[in-house]
C-alpha atoms as a PDB file:
ATOM      1  CA  MET A   1       0.000   0.000   0.000  1.00  0.00           C
ATOM      2  CA  GLN A   2       1.335   3.393  -0.996  1.00  0.00           C
ATOM      3  CA  GLN A   3       2.107   5.683   1.905  1.00  0.00           C
ATOM      4  CA  PRO A   4       0.341   9.078   1.880  1.00  0.00           C
ATOM      5  CA  ALA A   5       2.448  12.064   0.879  1.00  0.00           C
ATOM      6  CA  ARG A   6       3.970  13.985   3.749  1.00  0.00           C
ATOM      7  CA  ALA A   7       3.554  17.739   3.854  1.00  0.00           C
ATOM      8  CA  VAL A   8       6.713  19.778   3.306  1.00  0.00           C
ATOM      9  CA  THR A   9       8.458  20.668   6.551  1.00  0.00           C
ATOM     10  CA  SER A  10      11.111  23.354   6.735  1.00  0.00           C
ATOM     11  CA  ASN A  11      13.148  25.420   9.161  1.00  0.00           C
ATOM     12  CA  GLN A  12      12.282  28.380   6.936  1.00  0.00           C
ATOM     13  CA  ASP A  13       9.023  30.253   7.527  1.00  0.00           C
ATOM     14  CA  GLY A  14       9.084  32.777   4.681  1.00  0.00           C
ATOM     15  CA  VAL A  15      11.025  33.934   1.624  1.00  0.00           C
ATOM     16  CA  HIS A  16      14.717  33.323   2.288  1.00  0.00           C
ATOM     17  CA  GLU A  17      16.552  36.472   3.362  1.00  0.00           C
ATOM     18  CA  ASP A  18      19.449  35.680   0.999  1.00  0.00           C
ATOM     19  CA  LEU A  19      17.309  35.134  -2.093  1.00  0.00           C
ATOM     20  CA  ALA A  20      17.622  38.621  -3.584  1.00  0.00           C
ATOM     21  CA  GLU A  21      21.403  38.707  -3.191  1.00  0.00           C
ATOM     22  CA  GLN A  22      21.722  35.283  -4.781  1.00  0.00           C
ATOM     23  CA  VAL A  23      19.514  36.141  -7.754  1.00  0.00           C
ATOM     24  CA  ARG A  24      21.440  39.370  -8.412  1.00  0.00           C
ATOM     25  CA  ARG A  25      24.770  37.514  -8.212  1.00  0.00           C
ATOM     26  CA  TYR A  26      23.748  35.062 -10.900  1.00  0.00           C
ATOM     27  CA  GLN A  27      22.364  37.841 -13.066  1.00  0.00           C
ATOM     28  CA  ALA A  28      25.809  39.450 -13.044  1.00  0.00           C
ATOM     29  CA  HIS A  29      27.993  36.362 -13.418  1.00  0.00           C
ATOM     30  CA  PRO A  30      27.568  33.710 -16.141  1.00  0.00           C
ATOM     31  CA  PHE A  31      27.201  30.034 -15.232  1.00  0.00           C
ATOM     32  CA  LEU A  32      30.445  28.409 -16.397  1.00  0.00           C
ATOM     33  CA  LYS A  33      29.970  24.795 -15.324  1.00  0.00           C
ATOM     34  CA  PRO A  34      30.990  22.452 -18.194  1.00  0.00           C
ATOM     35  CA  ILE A  35      28.165  20.879 -20.162  1.00  0.00           C
ATOM     36  CA  ALA A  36      27.800  17.114 -19.645  1.00  0.00           C
ATOM     37  CA  GLU A  37      28.173  15.125 -22.857  1.00  0.00           C
ATOM     38  CA  HIS A  38      24.901  13.222 -22.432  1.00  0.00           C
ATOM     39  CA  SER A  39      23.058  16.528 -22.021  1.00  0.00           C
ATOM     40  CA  ARG A  40      24.685  17.949 -25.154  1.00  0.00           C
ATOM     41  CA  GLN A  41      23.695  14.884 -27.144  1.00  0.00           C
ATOM     42  CA  ALA A  42      20.128  15.093 -25.856  1.00  0.00           C
ATOM     43  CA  PHE A  43      19.929  18.766 -26.753  1.00  0.00           C
ATOM     44  CA  GLU A  44      21.280  18.167 -30.249  1.00  0.00           C
ATOM     45  CA  ALA A  45      18.611  15.509 -30.784  1.00  0.00           C
ATOM     46  CA  ALA A  46      15.940  17.919 -29.556  1.00  0.00           C
ATOM     47  CA  ALA A  47      17.310  20.763 -31.658  1.00  0.00           C
ATOM     48  CA  GLU A  48      16.963  18.664 -34.808  1.00  0.00           C
ATOM     49  CA  HIS A  49      13.300  18.020 -33.978  1.00  0.00           C
ATOM     50  CA  VAL A  50      12.795  21.748 -33.355  1.00  0.00           C
ATOM     51  CA  ARG A  51      14.383  22.651 -36.707  1.00  0.00           C
ATOM     52  CA  GLN A  52      12.132  20.204 -38.529  1.00  0.00           C
ATOM     53  CA  TRP A  53       9.038  21.265 -36.587  1.00  0.00           C
ATOM     54  CA  GLN A  54       9.190  25.004 -37.337  1.00  0.00           C
ATOM     55  CA  GLY A  55       6.311  25.659 -34.960  1.00  0.00           C
ATOM     56  CA  PRO A  56       5.530  26.300 -31.275  1.00  0.00           C
ATOM     57  CA  VAL A  57       7.736  24.478 -28.761  1.00  0.00           C
ATOM     58  CA  ILE A  58       6.669  23.559 -25.220  1.00  0.00           C
ATOM     59  CA  LEU A  59       9.148  22.395 -22.589  1.00  0.00           C
ATOM     60  CA  ASP A  60       8.073  20.147 -19.708  1.00  0.00           C
ATOM     61  CA  SER A  61      11.051  20.345 -17.349  1.00  0.00           C
ATOM     62  CA  CYS A  62      11.561  17.797 -14.554  1.00  0.00           C
ATOM     63  CA  CYS A  63       8.952  15.694 -16.344  1.00  0.00           C
ATOM     64  CA  GLY A  64       9.588  12.534 -14.309  1.00  0.00           C
ATOM     65  CA  VAL A  65       7.725   9.625 -15.895  1.00  0.00           C
ATOM     66  CA  GLY A  66       6.372  11.961 -18.576  1.00  0.00           C
ATOM     67  CA  GLU A  67       2.682  11.770 -17.673  1.00  0.00           C
ATOM     68  CA  SER A  68       2.445  15.561 -17.780  1.00  0.00           C
ATOM     69  CA  THR A  69       4.284  15.579 -21.134  1.00  0.00           C
ATOM     70  CA  ALA A  70       1.667  13.270 -22.620  1.00  0.00           C
ATOM     71  CA  VAL A  71      -1.183  15.381 -21.219  1.00  0.00           C
ATOM     72  CA  LEU A  72       0.361  18.596 -22.526  1.00  0.00           C
ATOM     73  CA  ALA A  73       0.838  17.056 -25.972  1.00  0.00           C
ATOM     74  CA  ASN A  74      -2.862  16.211 -26.029  1.00  0.00           C
ATOM     75  CA  ARG A  75      -3.772  19.747 -24.944  1.00  0.00           C
ATOM     76  CA  HIS A  76      -1.427  21.405 -27.449  1.00  0.00           C
ATOM     77  CA  PRO A  77      -1.495  19.354 -30.666  1.00  0.00           C
ATOM     78  CA  GLU A  78      -0.171  22.391 -32.551  1.00  0.00           C
ATOM     79  CA  ALA A  79       3.106  22.319 -30.591  1.00  0.00           C
ATOM     80  CA  LEU A  80       6.174  20.142 -30.222  1.00  0.00           C
ATOM     81  CA  VAL A  81       6.168  19.114 -26.550  1.00  0.00           C
ATOM     82  CA  ILE A  82       9.537  18.096 -25.100  1.00  0.00           C
ATOM     83  CA  GLY A  83       9.818  16.450 -21.685  1.00  0.00           C
ATOM     84  CA  VAL A  84      13.223  16.531 -19.985  1.00  0.00           C
ATOM     85  CA  ASP A  85      14.283  14.683 -16.851  1.00  0.00           C
ATOM     86  CA  LYS A  86      17.647  13.662 -15.410  1.00  0.00           C
ATOM     87  CA  SER A  87      16.514  10.115 -14.594  1.00  0.00           C
ATOM     88  CA  ALA A  88      16.545   7.451 -17.305  1.00  0.00           C
ATOM     89  CA  HIS A  89      14.711   5.118 -14.913  1.00  0.00           C
ATOM     90  CA  ARG A  90      11.777   7.521 -14.553  1.00  0.00           C
ATOM     91  CA  LEU A  91      11.583   8.155 -18.283  1.00  0.00           C
ATOM     92  CA  GLN A  92      11.480   4.413 -19.023  1.00  0.00           C
ATOM     93  CA  ARG A  93       8.239   4.214 -17.032  1.00  0.00           C
ATOM     94  CA  ASN A  94       6.414   6.474 -19.512  1.00  0.00           C
ATOM     95  CA  LEU A  95       4.752   3.639 -21.427  1.00  0.00           C
ATOM     96  CA  GLN A  96       1.798   3.490 -19.015  1.00  0.00           C
ATOM     97  CA  HIS A  97       1.035   7.171 -19.658  1.00  0.00           C
ATOM     98  CA  LYS A  98       1.239   7.276 -23.463  1.00  0.00           C
ATOM     99  CA  GLU A  99      -2.517   6.912 -23.876  1.00  0.00           C
ATOM    100  CA  ARG A 100      -3.001  10.310 -22.236  1.00  0.00           C
ATOM    101  CA  ALA A 101      -1.458  11.901 -25.323  1.00  0.00           C
ATOM    102  CA  GLY A 102      -4.265  10.636 -27.548  1.00  0.00           C
ATOM    103  CA  ASP A 103      -3.127  10.964 -31.160  1.00  0.00           C
ATOM    104  CA  ALA A 104      -0.523  13.615 -30.345  1.00  0.00           C
ATOM    105  CA  SER A 105       3.196  12.865 -30.272  1.00  0.00           C
ATOM    106  CA  TYR A 106       5.876  14.179 -27.941  1.00  0.00           C
ATOM    107  CA  LEU A 107       9.574  13.825 -27.179  1.00  0.00           C
ATOM    108  CA  LEU A 108      11.210  12.606 -23.948  1.00  0.00           C
ATOM    109  CA  LEU A 109      14.884  13.225 -23.229  1.00  0.00           C
ATOM    110  CA  ARG A 110      17.331  12.459 -20.442  1.00  0.00           C
ATOM    111  CA  ALA A 111      19.438  15.526 -19.658  1.00  0.00           C
ATOM    112  CA  ASP A 112      20.605  17.745 -16.820  1.00  0.00           C
ATOM    113  CA  LEU A 113      18.454  20.865 -16.996  1.00  0.00           C
ATOM    114  CA  ASN A 114      21.402  22.950 -15.792  1.00  0.00           C
ATOM    115  CA  ASP A 115      22.906  22.074 -19.161  1.00  0.00           C
ATOM    116  CA  PHE A 116      19.806  21.786 -21.344  1.00  0.00           C
ATOM    117  CA  TRP A 117      18.391  25.200 -20.481  1.00  0.00           C
ATOM    118  CA  ARG A 118      21.745  26.882 -21.149  1.00  0.00           C
ATOM    119  CA  LEU A 119      22.159  25.149 -24.501  1.00  0.00           C
ATOM    120  CA  ALA A 120      18.596  26.066 -25.488  1.00  0.00           C
ATOM    121  CA  ALA A 121      19.140  29.691 -24.467  1.00  0.00           C
ATOM    122  CA  GLU A 122      22.423  29.864 -26.391  1.00  0.00           C
ATOM    123  CA  ALA A 123      20.572  28.506 -29.430  1.00  0.00           C
ATOM    124  CA  LYS A 124      17.996  31.323 -29.008  1.00  0.00           C
ATOM    125  CA  TRP A 125      15.053  29.005 -28.450  1.00  0.00           C
ATOM    126  CA  GLN A 126      11.829  30.825 -27.670  1.00  0.00           C
ATOM    127  CA  LEU A 127       9.207  28.649 -26.030  1.00  0.00           C
ATOM    128  CA  SER A 128       5.474  29.152 -26.224  1.00  0.00           C
ATOM    129  CA  HIS A 129       5.047  27.494 -22.793  1.00  0.00           C
ATOM    130  CA  HIS A 130       7.378  26.164 -20.118  1.00  0.00           C
ATOM    131  CA  TYR A 131       6.156  23.851 -17.346  1.00  0.00           C
ATOM    132  CA  LEU A 132       8.015  23.123 -14.116  1.00  0.00           C
ATOM    133  CA  LEU A 133       5.676  20.875 -12.166  1.00  0.00           C
ATOM    134  CA  TYR A 134       6.509  19.862  -8.591  1.00  0.00           C
ATOM    135  CA  PRO A 135      10.301  20.106  -8.656  1.00  0.00           C
ATOM    136  CA  ASN A 136      12.210  19.033  -5.546  1.00  0.00           C
ATOM    137  CA  PRO A 137      11.614  21.997  -3.192  1.00  0.00           C
ATOM    138  CA  TRP A 138      14.826  21.505  -1.185  1.00  0.00           C
ATOM    139  CA  PRO A 139      13.030  22.890   1.894  1.00  0.00           C
ATOM    140  CA  LYS A 140      15.988  23.078   4.273  1.00  0.00           C
ATOM    141  CA  LYS A 141      17.064  26.687   4.656  1.00  0.00           C
ATOM    142  CA  LYS A 142      20.700  25.838   3.914  1.00  0.00           C
ATOM    143  CA  HIS A 143      19.699  24.356   0.553  1.00  0.00           C
ATOM    144  CA  LEU A 144      18.397  27.604  -0.983  1.00  0.00           C
ATOM    145  CA  GLY A 145      20.905  27.422  -3.838  1.00  0.00           C
ATOM    146  CA  ARG A 146      19.526  24.064  -4.965  1.00  0.00           C
ATOM    147  CA  ARG A 147      16.128  25.549  -5.775  1.00  0.00           C
ATOM    148  CA  TRP A 148      15.794  26.470  -9.454  1.00  0.00           C
ATOM    149  CA  HIS A 149      14.893  30.103  -8.795  1.00  0.00           C
ATOM    150  CA  ALA A 150      17.997  30.601  -6.613  1.00  0.00           C
ATOM    151  CA  SER A 151      20.419  28.718  -8.851  1.00  0.00           C
ATOM    152  CA  PRO A 152      22.904  30.023 -11.436  1.00  0.00           C
ATOM    153  CA  VAL A 153      20.810  28.613 -14.285  1.00  0.00           C
ATOM    154  CA  LEU A 154      17.836  30.935 -13.675  1.00  0.00           C
ATOM    155  CA  PRO A 155      19.014  33.486 -16.299  1.00  0.00           C
ATOM    156  CA  ALA A 156      18.849  30.762 -18.958  1.00  0.00           C
ATOM    157  CA  LEU A 157      15.353  29.733 -17.881  1.00  0.00           C
ATOM    158  CA  VAL A 158      14.171  33.338 -18.125  1.00  0.00           C
ATOM    159  CA  ALA A 159      15.829  33.767 -21.524  1.00  0.00           C
ATOM    160  CA  LEU A 160      13.775  30.902 -22.975  1.00  0.00           C
ATOM    161  CA  GLY A 161      10.664  33.074 -22.711  1.00  0.00           C
ATOM    162  CA  GLY A 162       7.106  31.847 -23.055  1.00  0.00           C
ATOM    163  CA  LYS A 163       4.333  31.365 -20.543  1.00  0.00           C
ATOM    164  CA  LEU A 164       5.908  29.804 -17.450  1.00  0.00           C
ATOM    165  CA  THR A 165       3.868  27.576 -15.131  1.00  0.00           C
ATOM    166  CA  VAL A 166       5.373  26.328 -11.868  1.00  0.00           C
ATOM    167  CA  ARG A 167       3.484  24.158  -9.380  1.00  0.00           C
ATOM    168  CA  SER A 168       4.471  23.085  -5.876  1.00  0.00           C
ATOM    169  CA  ASN A 169       2.949  21.794  -2.656  1.00  0.00           C
ATOM    170  CA  TRP A 170       5.128  24.273  -0.731  1.00  0.00           C
ATOM    171  CA  SER A 171       3.822  27.831  -0.890  1.00  0.00           C
ATOM    172  CA  ILE A 172       7.199  29.360   0.020  1.00  0.00           C
ATOM    173  CA  TYR A 173       8.756  27.810  -3.093  1.00  0.00           C
ATOM    174  CA  ILE A 174       6.191  29.580  -5.265  1.00  0.00           C
ATOM    175  CA  GLU A 175       6.545  32.850  -3.348  1.00  0.00           C
ATOM    176  CA  GLU A 176      10.317  32.729  -3.767  1.00  0.00           C
ATOM    177  CA  PHE A 177      10.033  31.969  -7.472  1.00  0.00           C
ATOM    178  CA  ALA A 178       7.831  35.031  -7.913  1.00  0.00           C
ATOM    179  CA  ALA A 179      10.290  37.152  -5.926  1.00  0.00           C
ATOM    180  CA  ALA A 180      13.187  35.920  -8.057  1.00  0.00           C
ATOM    181  CA  LEU A 181      11.360  36.759 -11.291  1.00  0.00           C
ATOM    182  CA  SER A 182      10.703  40.288 -10.039  1.00  0.00           C
ATOM    183  CA  HIS A 183      14.452  40.935 -10.426  1.00  0.00           C
ATOM    184  CA  TYR A 184      13.888  40.409 -14.163  1.00  0.00           C
ATOM    185  CA  GLN A 185      10.944  42.834 -14.142  1.00  0.00           C
ATOM    186  CA  VAL A 186       8.589  39.887 -14.560  1.00  0.00           C
ATOM    187  CA  GLN A 187       5.319  39.975 -12.642  1.00  0.00           C
ATOM    188  CA  ALA A 188       3.978  36.570 -11.641  1.00  0.00           C
ATOM    189  CA  ASP A 189       0.456  35.498 -10.765  1.00  0.00           C
ATOM    190  CA  VAL A 190       0.359  33.195  -7.728  1.00  0.00           C
ATOM    191  CA  GLN A 191      -2.692  31.264  -6.639  1.00  0.00           C
ATOM    192  CA  GLN A 192      -3.789  28.131  -4.839  1.00  0.00           C
ATOM    193  CA  LEU A 193      -5.137  25.461  -7.153  1.00  0.00           C
ATOM    194  CA  ALA A 194      -8.701  24.278  -6.775  1.00  0.00           C
ATOM    195  CA  ASP A 195      -9.081  21.103  -4.728  1.00  0.00           C
ATOM    196  CA  ASN A 196     -10.641  19.304  -7.688  1.00  0.00           C
ATOM    197  CA  VAL A 197      -7.969  20.169 -10.269  1.00  0.00           C
ATOM    198  CA  SER A 198      -7.358  17.213 -12.568  1.00  0.00           C
ATOM    199  CA  PRO A 199      -3.881  15.889 -11.662  1.00  0.00           C
ATOM    200  CA  ILE A 200      -1.366  15.544 -14.482  1.00  0.00           C
ATOM    201  CA  THR A 201       1.637  14.203 -12.569  1.00  0.00           C
ATOM    202  CA  PRO A 202       1.960  11.324 -10.069  1.00  0.00           C
ATOM    203  CA  PHE A 203       3.150  13.773  -7.406  1.00  0.00           C
ATOM    204  CA  GLU A 204       0.174  16.049  -8.002  1.00  0.00           C
ATOM    205  CA  ARG A 205      -2.156  13.059  -7.629  1.00  0.00           C
ATOM    206  CA  LYS A 206      -0.409  11.927  -4.445  1.00  0.00           C
ATOM    207  CA  TYR A 207      -0.405  15.380  -2.838  1.00  0.00           C
ATOM    208  CA  GLN A 208      -4.047  15.927  -3.749  1.00  0.00           C
ATOM    209  CA  ALA A 209      -5.049  12.558  -2.272  1.00  0.00           C
ATOM    210  CA  ALA A 210      -3.294  13.570   0.962  1.00  0.00           C
ATOM    211  CA  GLY A 211      -5.354  16.770   1.134  1.00  0.00           C
ATOM    212  CA  GLN A 212      -2.386  19.081   0.684  1.00  0.00           C
ATOM    213  CA  ALA A 213      -2.734  22.615  -0.698  1.00  0.00           C
ATOM    214  CA  LEU A 214      -1.254  22.946  -4.182  1.00  0.00           C
ATOM    215  CA  TRP A 215       0.166  26.221  -5.451  1.00  0.00           C
ATOM    216  CA  GLN A 216       0.749  27.605  -8.924  1.00  0.00           C
ATOM    217  CA  LEU A 217       2.783  30.436 -10.396  1.00  0.00           C
ATOM    218  CA  GLN A 218       2.188  31.702 -13.918  1.00  0.00           C
ATOM    219  CA  ALA A 219       4.250  34.379 -15.635  1.00  0.00           C
ATOM    220  CA  THR A 220       4.938  35.523 -19.172  1.00  0.00           C
ATOM    221  CA  LEU A 221       8.688  35.677 -19.711  1.00  0.00           C
ATOM    222  CA  PRO A 222      10.018  38.261 -22.165  1.00  0.00           C
ATOM    223  CA  SER A 223      12.227  37.216 -25.053  1.00  0.00           C
ATOM    224  CA  ASP A 224      15.028  39.758 -24.645  1.00  0.00           C
ATOM    225  CA  LYS A 225      16.673  38.801 -21.348  1.00  0.00           C
ATOM    226  CA  LEU A 226      19.686  36.856 -22.630  1.00  0.00           C
END
C-alpha cells in the first residue's frame, strides 16, 4: 500500500533572506559549469526536432515519468512538446502514460536541466510554454541554492521566454520563485489550485489525495533577457 504524501516541513518560515542577493549575483555572473556530454547529445537531438518542426515548442522540465508531457501534448497538438528529466529510470516508465497523449506525439529526453536550459538559451530558443511541475523543493534553509529560482541557471530559464507555469505543494517555493522573477521585471500570478484540479503528474495526484494545498505560479517571460 502506498504511503500518503507527507507535507513539506522546513526550518524556513518565509522567503529566504538571501534570495535577492543570490539572484542578483547570478544575473551578473555567467554560469560556467561544463556541459555534460549526455546533455549535449540530448539537446542536439531535440534541436533537430525543433528545426524540422518550425512551430511552437513547449518544454516540460523535470517531467519525471512523462505523464504531464503526454497530457500537454494532447492539450497542445499544434506544438512540439519536449519532456526533460535527469533520470533514465523515470523516463522508461512512460509507457503506461502514453494513452493520455491521444493521437498527439511528444519527445522525452534524459538531460541535466542545468545544461539543457543553457544550450537552449544559447541557441535562441523561444518557447510558447514552459512547465516546471513539482520540482524538488529543497526545503531546508541551507539548501536555498539548490532551488531552481535561486540557482545560477535561472538566467537561462528566463531567456527561454514563453508562458511559465510552476506548481508546488510548498507555498514558500512559489513565493520565492515570484520574488526571483521580479528581479527580471517579470510579474507573476500566484494562486492556490482548486481542490478538484485534474492531476497531471503522479506527485500532483499523491499530494491531492493527501489533502495538501497545491500552489501555482504563472508568468509571461520576455524574449530579450539573454
